[in-house]
Amino acid sequence: MADVPIQFENPLPPWLNGLLIRNGLGRFEIGARKFDHSFDAFGKLSSWRFWGNESVTFSTKFLQSDSYKASLRSHTIAPYLLFEGVDPPFNEVEKITALIRGIDNMNVNVYRFYNAHHHQYQYVALNDYWKVYDFDPKSLSTVKSINAEVPDGTSDSSLAFLRFLSSAHPLPEMGTTNHFTFVSSVSIVPGLKSKIELIRIKSAMERELVGKWSVDKVPYMHSFSITKNYAIFFASPFYVNVLKMVRYAEPFNCLDWYEDEQTTIYVVELHNGIVHSINTDNVFTMHHINAFEEDEDIVVDISSYMSPDFVKNLQLSILLDPARRNSIDVHPLLKRYHINLRNKTAVFKLFDSSPDIPFASKIDMPTINENYRYGNYCFVYGIVLKKDDIELSRIALVKKDLCNVKGDKQWYVPGHYPVEAWFVQVPGAKEEDDGYLLVPVLDGESRQSYLAIISAKEMKTVNIAYLPTIIPFGLHGKFFEDFI
């Protein structure tokens, strides 16, 4: 489906032009085989193109990954490395094939990287993997896979490591067109330590080593933080078990959680690659929110969990069973860490919530006004599942005011299911929350999807446009304001 006109109920502001692209979970089964975990669904891109003349067109298309195409050809889910397994399961030969092929389904996020040599952007779909897929932002057609060289600066044989873990959330380098990411290399040679490397992305193919450090065990990390001078990683004790990986070929089931161990915070100096490590209390996070430097401290905000159990509980068998899905604990806590390198300390505080919105600090899938990244800020917008502590499907979109608890607000419509928002600032805005949230929503009653434009100040709907098709649950996306 490409460039289908959609109609908003009210006139759009004339300055609103650009391209919203989202990635998410598009197909859960092929033939007689289905995925065990929701995170393994085949990636599907959706886009809304705002032309600047009050017209908007909608497109959606499956990412034509090698794994998706092979699955269509074979009329079943082809053996590639997955988050969890499939039903019926892969046989032993298929498990080996999956381990050799690696992860190929890039269903989590979209980014664009500027290529200074060609003076153009390259749009990519990502997962928590080093490999990415290049796609055309206008047609959403898949162009090619990209597996850039890992610039580790050593003579270590690449055959000694499983180099596959990276981040679906690269972060821009302040004042440049570059981004940062990381790659974790799991040693498969006894006596040779695993390692983590901070990488500067100069284009989709060109990468540069910033810093690296050895680790006894490789932690799973989905995201990280960047300030003007530092990169910050929370290495929770959720470690890759190599023997399990070789035996089962299911990454999430090959991660061991140690609830009694501390989390290590790695802070990397961007200008020289020096790495500092500080231990803190046990914590697990999927999503960092923002980070900034304040006096001698590095301030980092995260959505934190007591364990990774909530991710395990997003299996399809649980989500399709009302009693089981309503029994799981899906609530994170918003935490602010003050990290001091001189004293080698990391202390955190929790945020109070408005009595009217007692769940306001339990947000995940966080969004901020990107113009306030790297700086002190007040507002974060996020999703709260199970807002009433009873039903998982009662989902609120929350505006959490970090500066004044009285500023907490929510958007909630019974039977409507929002996903991650994206903040678009009003031109010439004087205040941080002067803008709109672009939010795809599923209307459960009418069984239709729509795009909501929500006032970030008031958290009230100002415009909606229903779509010609239901779009699947989206994970992450971006709005590219200068897209022509």
Protein backbone atom coordinates (compact mmCIF):
# COMPACT_ATOMS: atom_id res chain seq x y z
CA MET A 1 0.00 0.00 0.00
CA ALA A 2 1.67 3.24 -1.12
CA ASP A 3 0.77 6.95 -0.96
CA VAL A 4 -2.90 6.48 -0.11
CA PRO A 5 -4.47 9.86 0.73
CA ILE A 6 -5.90 10.08 4.26
CA GLN A 7 -8.17 12.79 5.59
CA PHE A 8 -7.81 14.51 8.94
CA GLU A 9 -10.95 15.76 10.64
CA ASN A 10 -9.62 19.30 11.05
CA PRO A 11 -7.24 21.50 9.04
CA LEU A 12 -3.57 20.83 9.63
CA PRO A 13 -1.12 23.59 10.55
CA PRO A 14 0.61 24.77 7.35
CA TRP A 15 4.06 24.34 8.88
CA LEU A 16 3.56 20.61 9.53
CA ASN A 17 5.52 18.89 6.78
CA GLY A 18 7.80 15.91 6.90
CA LEU A 19 7.75 12.15 7.09
CA LEU A 20 6.78 9.97 10.06
CA ILE A 21 8.14 6.43 9.68
CA ARG A 22 7.51 3.67 12.18
CA ASN A 23 8.70 0.09 12.45
CA GLY A 24 6.92 -2.73 14.19
CA LEU A 25 5.47 -6.18 14.46
CA GLY A 26 3.80 -7.13 11.18
CA ARG A 27 3.29 -10.88 10.86
CA PHE A 28 3.34 -13.59 13.51
CA GLU A 29 3.05 -16.78 11.50
CA ILE A 30 3.65 -18.29 8.06
CA GLY A 31 2.20 -21.65 7.11
CA ALA A 32 1.91 -24.01 10.06
CA ARG A 33 4.66 -22.30 12.04
CA LYS A 34 4.27 -19.31 14.35
CA PHE A 35 6.55 -17.27 16.57
CA ASP A 36 6.62 -17.88 20.33
CA HIS A 37 7.42 -14.28 21.22
CA SER A 38 5.81 -11.08 19.98
CA PHE A 39 9.21 -9.43 19.42
CA ASP A 40 9.97 -11.90 16.62
CA ALA A 41 7.12 -10.86 14.31
CA PHE A 42 8.32 -9.87 10.84
CA GLY A 43 9.10 -6.16 10.50
CA LYS A 44 6.62 -3.90 8.77
CA LEU A 45 7.20 -0.23 7.99
CA SER A 46 4.43 2.38 8.05
CA SER A 47 4.75 6.02 7.00
CA TRP A 48 2.74 9.22 6.99
CA ARG A 49 3.93 11.88 4.57
CA PHE A 50 2.86 15.43 5.45
CA TRP A 51 3.19 17.44 2.27
CA GLY A 52 2.83 20.88 3.90
CA ASN A 53 -0.34 21.78 2.01
CA GLU A 54 -2.71 19.99 4.43
CA SER A 55 -2.53 16.79 2.39
CA VAL A 56 -1.20 13.57 3.93
CA THR A 57 -0.53 10.18 2.36
CA PHE A 58 -0.08 6.84 4.08
CA SER A 59 2.11 3.89 3.06
CA THR A 60 2.90 0.53 4.58
CA LYS A 61 5.08 -2.36 3.45
CA PHE A 62 6.80 -5.41 4.89
CA LEU A 63 10.55 -5.11 5.15
CA GLN A 64 11.89 -7.50 2.53
CA SER A 65 14.55 -9.07 4.71
CA ASP A 66 16.27 -12.28 3.69
CA SER A 67 14.45 -14.11 6.49
CA TYR A 68 11.04 -12.83 5.37
CA LYS A 69 11.63 -13.70 1.72
CA ALA A 70 12.99 -17.15 2.59
CA SER A 71 9.94 -17.77 4.77
CA LEU A 72 7.55 -16.81 1.97
CA ARG A 73 9.37 -19.11 -0.46
CA SER A 74 9.28 -22.08 1.91
CA HIS A 75 5.74 -21.40 3.23
CA THR A 76 7.00 -21.60 6.79
CA ILE A 77 9.20 -19.55 9.13
CA ALA A 78 12.72 -20.09 7.83
CA PRO A 79 15.58 -20.81 10.27
CA TYR A 80 17.21 -17.55 11.34
CA LEU A 81 18.29 -16.47 14.79
CA LEU A 82 15.24 -15.21 16.73
CA PHE A 83 14.53 -13.57 20.07
CA GLU A 84 12.88 -16.82 21.17
CA GLY A 85 11.72 -19.91 19.30
CA VAL A 86 8.97 -21.04 16.96
CA ASP A 87 6.10 -23.50 17.15
CA PRO A 88 6.64 -26.19 15.87
CA PRO A 89 10.28 -25.73 16.90
CA PHE A 90 13.31 -25.79 14.62
CA ASN A 91 15.00 -29.18 14.37
CA GLU A 92 18.70 -29.57 15.19
CA VAL A 93 19.85 -28.87 11.64
CA GLU A 94 17.66 -25.78 11.47
CA LYS A 95 19.06 -24.54 14.79
CA ILE A 96 22.59 -24.74 13.43
CA THR A 97 21.46 -22.98 10.25
CA ALA A 98 19.84 -20.24 12.34
CA LEU A 99 23.01 -19.74 14.38
CA ILE A 100 25.11 -19.43 11.22
CA ARG A 101 22.70 -17.01 9.53
CA GLY A 102 22.23 -14.84 12.61
CA ILE A 103 19.53 -12.25 13.26
CA ASP A 104 18.01 -10.80 10.10
CA ASN A 105 14.57 -9.43 11.04
CA MET A 106 15.02 -5.68 11.59
CA ASN A 107 11.64 -4.90 13.17
CA VAL A 108 12.43 -2.45 15.98
CA ASN A 109 13.38 1.04 14.80
CA VAL A 110 14.26 3.33 11.90
CA TYR A 111 17.07 5.88 11.59
CA ARG A 112 18.84 7.83 8.95
CA PHE A 113 22.59 8.37 8.69
CA TYR A 114 24.13 11.19 6.68
CA ASN A 115 26.70 10.24 4.06
CA ALA A 116 28.96 13.30 3.69
CA HIS A 117 30.66 11.83 0.62
CA HIS A 118 27.39 11.62 -1.30
CA HIS A 119 25.63 14.52 0.49
CA GLN A 120 22.53 12.49 1.22
CA TYR A 121 20.78 10.54 3.96
CA GLN A 122 20.49 6.78 4.06
CA TYR A 123 17.44 5.36 5.85
CA VAL A 124 17.83 2.09 7.75
CA ALA A 125 15.73 -0.37 9.76
CA LEU A 126 17.34 -1.74 12.91
CA ASN A 127 17.16 -4.35 15.64
CA ASP A 128 19.56 -4.99 18.53
CA TYR A 129 22.04 -6.24 15.99
CA TRP A 130 25.02 -4.87 14.09
CA LYS A 131 23.44 -5.56 10.71
CA VAL A 132 20.86 -3.09 9.32
CA TYR A 133 18.59 -2.87 6.27
CA ASP A 134 18.67 0.10 3.90
CA PHE A 135 15.26 1.18 2.58
CA ASP A 136 13.77 3.89 0.36
CA PRO A 137 11.84 6.34 2.59
CA LYS A 138 9.43 7.34 -0.19
CA SER A 139 8.33 3.88 -1.32
CA LEU A 140 9.40 1.92 1.80
CA SER A 141 11.01 -0.56 -0.60
CA THR A 142 13.91 -2.53 0.83
CA VAL A 143 17.19 -1.72 -0.92
CA LYS A 144 19.83 -3.98 0.65
CA SER A 145 21.29 -5.28 3.88
CA ILE A 146 24.34 -3.54 5.32
CA ASN A 147 26.86 -5.26 7.54
CA ALA A 148 29.53 -2.64 8.10
CA GLU A 149 33.04 -3.58 9.13
CA VAL A 150 33.60 -3.46 12.90
CA PRO A 151 36.58 -1.11 13.43
CA ASP A 152 38.09 -2.70 16.55
CA GLY A 153 41.68 -1.65 15.89
CA THR A 154 43.18 -5.02 16.91
CA SER A 155 44.51 -8.12 15.24
CA ASP A 156 42.04 -10.39 17.05
CA SER A 157 40.46 -12.85 14.64
CA SER A 158 36.80 -12.14 13.99
CA LEU A 159 36.30 -15.91 14.14
CA ALA A 160 37.07 -15.75 17.86
CA PHE A 161 33.96 -13.67 18.58
CA LEU A 162 30.24 -13.71 18.03
CA ARG A 163 29.79 -10.09 16.95
CA PHE A 164 26.07 -9.54 16.78
CA LEU A 165 24.73 -7.54 19.75
CA SER A 166 24.29 -3.82 19.14
CA SER A 167 21.55 -1.22 19.73
CA ALA A 168 18.32 -0.33 17.96
CA HIS A 169 18.74 3.16 19.46
CA PRO A 170 21.81 4.94 18.04
CA LEU A 171 22.14 8.46 19.38
CA PRO A 172 23.24 11.63 17.58
CA GLU A 173 26.60 13.18 18.35
CA MET A 174 26.09 16.75 19.51
CA GLY A 175 26.96 19.33 16.85
CA THR A 176 27.63 16.81 14.07
CA THR A 177 25.79 14.58 11.60
CA ASN A 178 27.33 11.50 13.24
CA HIS A 179 25.71 9.00 15.59
CA PHE A 180 26.97 6.65 18.28
CA THR A 181 26.23 2.98 18.81
CA PHE A 182 28.01 0.01 20.34
CA VAL A 183 28.84 -3.57 19.44
CA SER A 184 29.31 -6.41 21.92
CA SER A 185 31.65 -9.22 20.89
CA VAL A 186 31.14 -12.51 22.72
CA SER A 187 34.35 -14.53 22.97
CA ILE A 188 34.06 -18.19 22.00
CA VAL A 189 37.76 -18.92 22.71
CA PRO A 190 38.68 -20.02 26.26
CA GLY A 191 40.93 -17.47 27.96
CA LEU A 192 40.05 -14.66 25.53
CA LYS A 193 37.84 -12.01 27.09
CA SER A 194 34.72 -10.65 25.49
CA LYS A 195 34.57 -6.94 24.73
CA ILE A 196 32.30 -3.97 24.18
CA GLU A 197 33.14 -1.18 21.74
CA LEU A 198 31.72 2.32 21.43
CA ILE A 199 31.38 3.15 17.75
CA ARG A 200 30.90 6.43 15.91
CA ILE A 201 28.60 6.05 12.89
CA LYS A 202 29.82 8.37 10.14
CA SER A 203 27.54 6.80 7.53
CA ALA A 204 25.66 3.53 7.13
CA MET A 205 28.90 1.87 5.96
CA GLU A 206 31.58 3.98 7.63
CA ARG A 207 32.22 3.35 11.32
CA GLU A 208 34.92 4.62 13.68
CA LEU A 209 36.17 3.16 16.96
CA VAL A 210 35.85 5.55 19.93
CA GLY A 211 36.68 3.27 22.86
CA LYS A 212 36.62 -0.36 23.93
CA TRP A 213 36.84 -2.41 27.07
CA SER A 214 37.03 -6.06 28.07
CA VAL A 215 34.35 -7.85 30.06
CA ASP A 216 34.14 -11.29 31.64
CA LYS A 217 30.54 -11.65 30.48
CA VAL A 218 28.61 -9.74 27.82
CA PRO A 219 25.47 -8.01 29.13
CA TYR A 220 22.34 -7.49 27.06
CA MET A 221 21.80 -3.74 26.51
CA HIS A 222 19.01 -2.34 24.37
CA SER A 223 19.87 1.36 24.65
CA PHE A 224 22.32 3.79 26.25
CA SER A 225 22.81 7.53 26.84
CA ILE A 226 24.93 10.28 25.34
CA THR A 227 25.84 13.72 26.68
CA LYS A 228 28.12 16.34 25.16
CA ASN A 229 31.21 14.57 26.51
CA TYR A 230 30.22 11.07 27.60
CA ALA A 231 28.52 7.82 26.61
CA ILE A 232 26.81 5.98 29.47
CA PHE A 233 25.96 2.26 29.54
CA PHE A 234 24.02 0.35 32.20
CA ALA A 235 25.41 -3.19 32.09
CA SER A 236 22.85 -5.14 34.08
CA PRO A 237 23.76 -8.68 35.20
CA PHE A 238 21.85 -10.21 32.29
CA TYR A 239 24.59 -12.08 30.50
CA VAL A 240 25.00 -14.05 27.28
CA ASN A 241 25.55 -17.75 27.95
CA VAL A 242 27.64 -19.00 25.01
CA LEU A 243 27.03 -22.68 25.64
CA LYS A 244 23.27 -22.15 25.71
CA MET A 245 23.51 -20.06 22.55
CA VAL A 246 25.24 -22.85 20.66
CA ARG A 247 22.81 -25.44 22.01
CA TYR A 248 19.48 -23.63 21.71
CA ALA A 249 20.09 -20.80 19.18
CA GLU A 250 17.50 -18.60 20.95
CA PRO A 251 19.15 -15.37 22.18
CA PHE A 252 16.70 -14.41 24.93
CA ASN A 253 16.63 -17.92 26.37
CA CYS A 254 20.44 -17.85 26.31
CA LEU A 255 20.65 -14.93 28.71
CA ASP A 256 21.22 -15.58 32.42
CA TRP A 257 19.85 -13.11 35.00
CA TYR A 258 21.66 -12.70 38.34
CA GLU A 259 19.30 -10.89 40.67
CA ASP A 260 21.84 -10.65 43.51
CA GLU A 261 24.58 -9.00 41.45
CA GLN A 262 25.16 -5.29 40.99
CA THR A 263 24.81 -3.38 37.75
CA THR A 264 27.98 -1.88 36.30
CA ILE A 265 27.75 1.58 34.79
CA TYR A 266 30.35 2.24 32.09
CA VAL A 267 31.09 5.88 31.27
CA VAL A 268 33.18 6.48 28.14
CA GLU A 269 34.85 9.84 27.45
CA LEU A 270 33.99 10.70 23.86
CA HIS A 271 37.13 12.71 23.11
CA ASN A 272 39.68 10.07 24.17
CA GLY A 273 37.87 6.76 24.67
CA ILE A 274 38.82 6.43 28.36
CA VAL A 275 36.39 4.11 30.16
CA HIS A 276 35.25 4.50 33.76
CA SER A 277 33.25 1.83 35.63
CA ILE A 278 31.04 2.33 38.66
CA ASN A 279 28.89 -0.27 40.40
CA THR A 280 25.35 0.46 41.48
CA ASP A 281 22.35 -1.47 42.78
CA ASN A 282 20.86 -4.21 40.63
CA VAL A 283 18.61 -2.70 37.96
CA PHE A 284 17.41 -3.58 34.47
CA THR A 285 16.45 -1.12 31.77
CA MET A 286 15.36 -1.30 28.17
CA HIS A 287 15.08 2.43 27.46
CA HIS A 288 17.23 5.36 28.45
CA ILE A 289 15.35 8.66 28.27
CA ASN A 290 17.88 11.51 28.32
CA ALA A 291 21.18 12.47 29.91
CA PHE A 292 22.99 15.74 30.58
CA GLU A 293 25.91 17.17 32.50
CA GLU A 294 25.21 19.25 35.60
CA ASP A 295 28.10 20.68 37.63
CA GLU A 296 30.30 17.63 38.38
CA ASP A 297 27.56 15.09 37.81
CA ILE A 298 26.32 13.17 34.79
CA VAL A 299 22.54 12.93 35.09
CA VAL A 300 20.87 9.93 33.44
CA ASP A 301 17.13 9.14 33.34
CA ILE A 302 15.94 5.61 32.62
CA SER A 303 12.80 3.48 32.76
CA SER A 304 13.91 0.82 35.23
CA TYR A 305 12.70 -2.68 36.09
CA MET A 306 13.51 -5.08 38.90
CA SER A 307 14.26 -7.82 36.37
CA PRO A 308 13.86 -8.73 32.67
CA ASP A 309 10.82 -10.92 33.47
CA PHE A 310 8.36 -8.52 31.87
CA VAL A 311 10.09 -9.02 28.49
CA LYS A 312 9.79 -12.80 28.81
CA ASN A 313 6.09 -12.36 29.60
CA LEU A 314 5.40 -10.75 26.23
CA GLN A 315 5.15 -14.19 24.69
CA LEU A 316 2.16 -14.61 22.39
CA SER A 317 0.66 -17.43 24.47
CA ILE A 318 0.52 -15.05 27.45
CA LEU A 319 -0.71 -12.00 25.55
CA LEU A 320 -3.57 -14.01 24.01
CA ASP A 321 -4.74 -15.25 27.42
CA PRO A 322 -6.57 -12.46 29.35
CA ALA A 323 -6.02 -14.02 32.76
CA ARG A 324 -2.30 -14.61 32.21
CA ARG A 325 -1.57 -11.24 30.60
CA ASN A 326 -3.40 -9.36 33.34
CA SER A 327 -1.33 -11.11 36.01
CA ILE A 328 2.07 -9.94 34.79
CA ASP A 329 3.92 -6.96 36.25
CA VAL A 330 4.63 -4.52 33.44
CA HIS A 331 5.36 -1.39 35.45
CA PRO A 332 8.80 0.21 35.38
CA LEU A 333 9.90 3.06 37.62
CA LEU A 334 11.34 6.28 36.28
CA LYS A 335 14.76 6.74 37.92
CA ARG A 336 17.25 9.60 37.78
CA TYR A 337 20.89 8.71 38.37
CA HIS A 338 23.55 11.20 39.41
CA ILE A 339 26.92 9.78 38.38
CA ASN A 340 30.08 11.39 39.76
CA LEU A 341 33.32 10.22 38.16
CA ARG A 342 35.58 11.92 40.70
CA ASN A 343 33.90 10.18 43.65
CA LYS A 344 33.04 7.07 41.61
CA THR A 345 29.46 7.14 42.84
CA ALA A 346 26.09 6.58 41.23
CA VAL A 347 23.02 7.46 43.29
CA PHE A 348 19.43 7.57 42.09
CA LYS A 349 16.17 9.17 43.03
CA LEU A 350 12.57 8.34 42.20
CA PHE A 351 9.93 10.80 41.03
CA ASP A 352 6.64 11.42 42.78
CA SER A 353 3.44 11.35 40.74
CA SER A 354 0.37 13.53 40.81
CA PRO A 355 -2.38 12.11 43.07
CA ASP A 356 -4.69 12.34 40.06
CA ILE A 357 -2.31 10.22 37.95
CA PRO A 358 -0.59 7.89 40.45
CA PHE A 359 0.97 5.87 37.61
CA ALA A 360 2.68 8.86 35.95
CA SER A 361 6.19 7.66 36.88
CA LYS A 362 5.60 4.16 35.49
CA ILE A 363 6.26 5.02 31.85
CA ASP A 364 8.21 3.24 29.16
CA MET A 365 8.64 3.80 25.40
CA PRO A 366 9.77 7.32 26.34
CA THR A 367 9.80 10.36 24.04
CA ILE A 368 11.15 13.85 24.67
CA ASN A 369 11.38 17.10 22.77
CA GLU A 370 14.58 16.27 20.88
CA ASN A 371 15.63 19.93 20.97
CA TYR A 372 16.24 19.38 24.69
CA ARG A 373 18.47 16.32 24.33
CA TYR A 374 21.80 16.65 26.23
CA GLY A 375 20.28 19.36 28.45
CA ASN A 376 18.20 19.77 31.58
CA TYR A 377 14.58 19.26 30.65
CA CYS A 378 11.17 18.77 32.25
CA PHE A 379 8.90 16.64 30.12
CA VAL A 380 8.93 13.01 29.06
CA TYR A 381 6.03 11.31 27.27
CA GLY A 382 5.52 7.57 27.55
CA ILE A 383 3.20 4.60 27.57
CA VAL A 384 1.72 3.06 30.72
CA LEU A 385 0.26 -0.41 30.32
CA LYS A 386 -2.25 -1.65 32.90
CA LYS A 387 -2.88 1.87 34.20
CA ASP A 388 -5.48 0.59 36.67
CA ASP A 389 -3.32 -2.33 37.88
CA ILE A 390 -6.05 -4.67 36.65
CA GLU A 391 -6.10 -5.02 32.87
CA LEU A 392 -3.01 -4.94 30.67
CA SER A 393 -5.03 -3.48 27.79
CA ARG A 394 -5.91 -0.28 29.65
CA ILE A 395 -3.17 1.85 28.14
CA ALA A 396 -2.50 5.51 28.85
CA LEU A 397 -0.19 7.94 27.12
CA VAL A 398 1.36 9.97 29.95
CA LYS A 399 3.12 13.31 30.13
CA LYS A 400 5.45 13.17 33.11
CA ASP A 401 6.62 16.53 34.46
CA LEU A 402 10.04 15.98 36.03
CA CYS A 403 10.15 19.54 37.36
CA ASN A 404 6.69 19.90 38.91
CA VAL A 405 4.48 16.99 39.85
CA LYS A 406 1.43 19.18 39.27
CA GLY A 407 2.23 19.12 35.55
CA ASP A 408 1.56 15.39 35.15
CA LYS A 409 -1.12 14.69 32.56
CA GLN A 410 -2.55 11.71 30.67
CA TRP A 411 -4.33 10.85 27.43
CA TYR A 412 -6.63 7.90 27.82
CA VAL A 413 -9.57 6.65 25.76
CA PRO A 414 -11.15 3.34 26.87
CA GLY A 415 -10.73 0.66 24.24
CA HIS A 416 -8.13 2.67 22.30
CA TYR A 417 -4.54 1.47 22.23
CA PRO A 418 -1.76 4.02 21.65
CA VAL A 419 1.87 3.19 20.97
CA GLU A 420 5.05 5.27 21.30
CA ALA A 421 4.54 8.97 20.52
CA TRP A 422 6.82 11.35 18.64
CA PHE A 423 7.09 15.02 19.65
CA VAL A 424 7.01 17.70 16.94
CA GLN A 425 7.84 21.22 18.13
CA VAL A 426 5.86 24.22 16.96
CA PRO A 427 8.10 26.62 14.99
CA GLY A 428 9.38 29.44 17.19
CA ALA A 429 8.31 27.63 20.37
CA LYS A 430 9.29 29.35 23.60
CA GLU A 431 8.35 26.48 25.92
CA GLU A 432 9.53 22.87 25.99
CA ASP A 433 6.05 21.37 25.62
CA ASP A 434 4.88 23.71 22.87
CA GLY A 435 4.19 21.09 20.22
CA TYR A 436 2.22 18.05 19.17
CA LEU A 437 2.53 14.32 19.70
CA LEU A 438 2.06 12.09 16.64
CA VAL A 439 0.59 8.83 17.93
CA PRO A 440 -0.71 5.79 16.01
CA VAL A 441 -3.73 4.35 17.83
CA LEU A 442 -5.89 1.25 17.38
CA ASP A 443 -9.60 1.91 17.91
CA GLY A 444 -10.69 -1.39 19.45
CA GLU A 445 -14.39 -0.78 19.04
CA SER A 446 -14.31 0.01 15.31
CA ARG A 447 -11.26 -2.20 14.67
CA GLN A 448 -9.56 0.60 12.79
CA SER A 449 -6.22 2.31 13.16
CA TYR A 450 -5.80 6.07 13.14
CA LEU A 451 -3.09 8.66 13.62
CA ALA A 452 -3.80 11.03 16.49
CA ILE A 453 -2.32 14.50 16.76
CA ILE A 454 -2.31 15.34 20.46
CA SER A 455 -1.52 18.67 22.10
CA ALA A 456 1.57 18.08 24.22
CA LYS A 457 0.60 20.91 26.57
CA GLU A 458 -2.89 19.70 27.36
CA MET A 459 -2.63 16.02 26.33
CA LYS A 460 -5.86 16.36 24.36
CA THR A 461 -6.61 15.17 20.84
CA VAL A 462 -6.71 17.99 18.30
CA ASN A 463 -6.93 15.92 15.11
CA ILE A 464 -7.24 12.35 13.86
CA ALA A 465 -7.14 10.54 10.53
CA TYR A 466 -8.33 6.96 10.15
CA LEU A 467 -6.20 4.66 8.00
CA PRO A 468 -7.21 2.37 5.12
CA THR A 469 -5.81 -0.65 6.97
CA ILE A 470 -5.05 -1.80 10.49
CA ILE A 471 -1.41 -1.26 11.29
CA PRO A 472 0.25 -3.71 13.66
CA PHE A 473 1.70 -2.84 17.05
CA GLY A 474 4.52 -0.40 16.42
CA LEU A 475 7.71 -0.35 18.43
CA HIS A 476 9.71 2.74 17.48
CA GLY A 477 9.91 5.39 14.80
CA LYS A 478 10.96 8.91 13.89
CA PHE A 479 9.57 12.08 12.29
CA PHE A 480 11.91 13.63 9.74
CA GLU A 481 10.88 17.29 9.55
CA ASP A 482 13.07 18.28 6.62
CA PHE A 483 12.04 15.44 4.37
CA ILE A 484 11.15 16.68 0.87
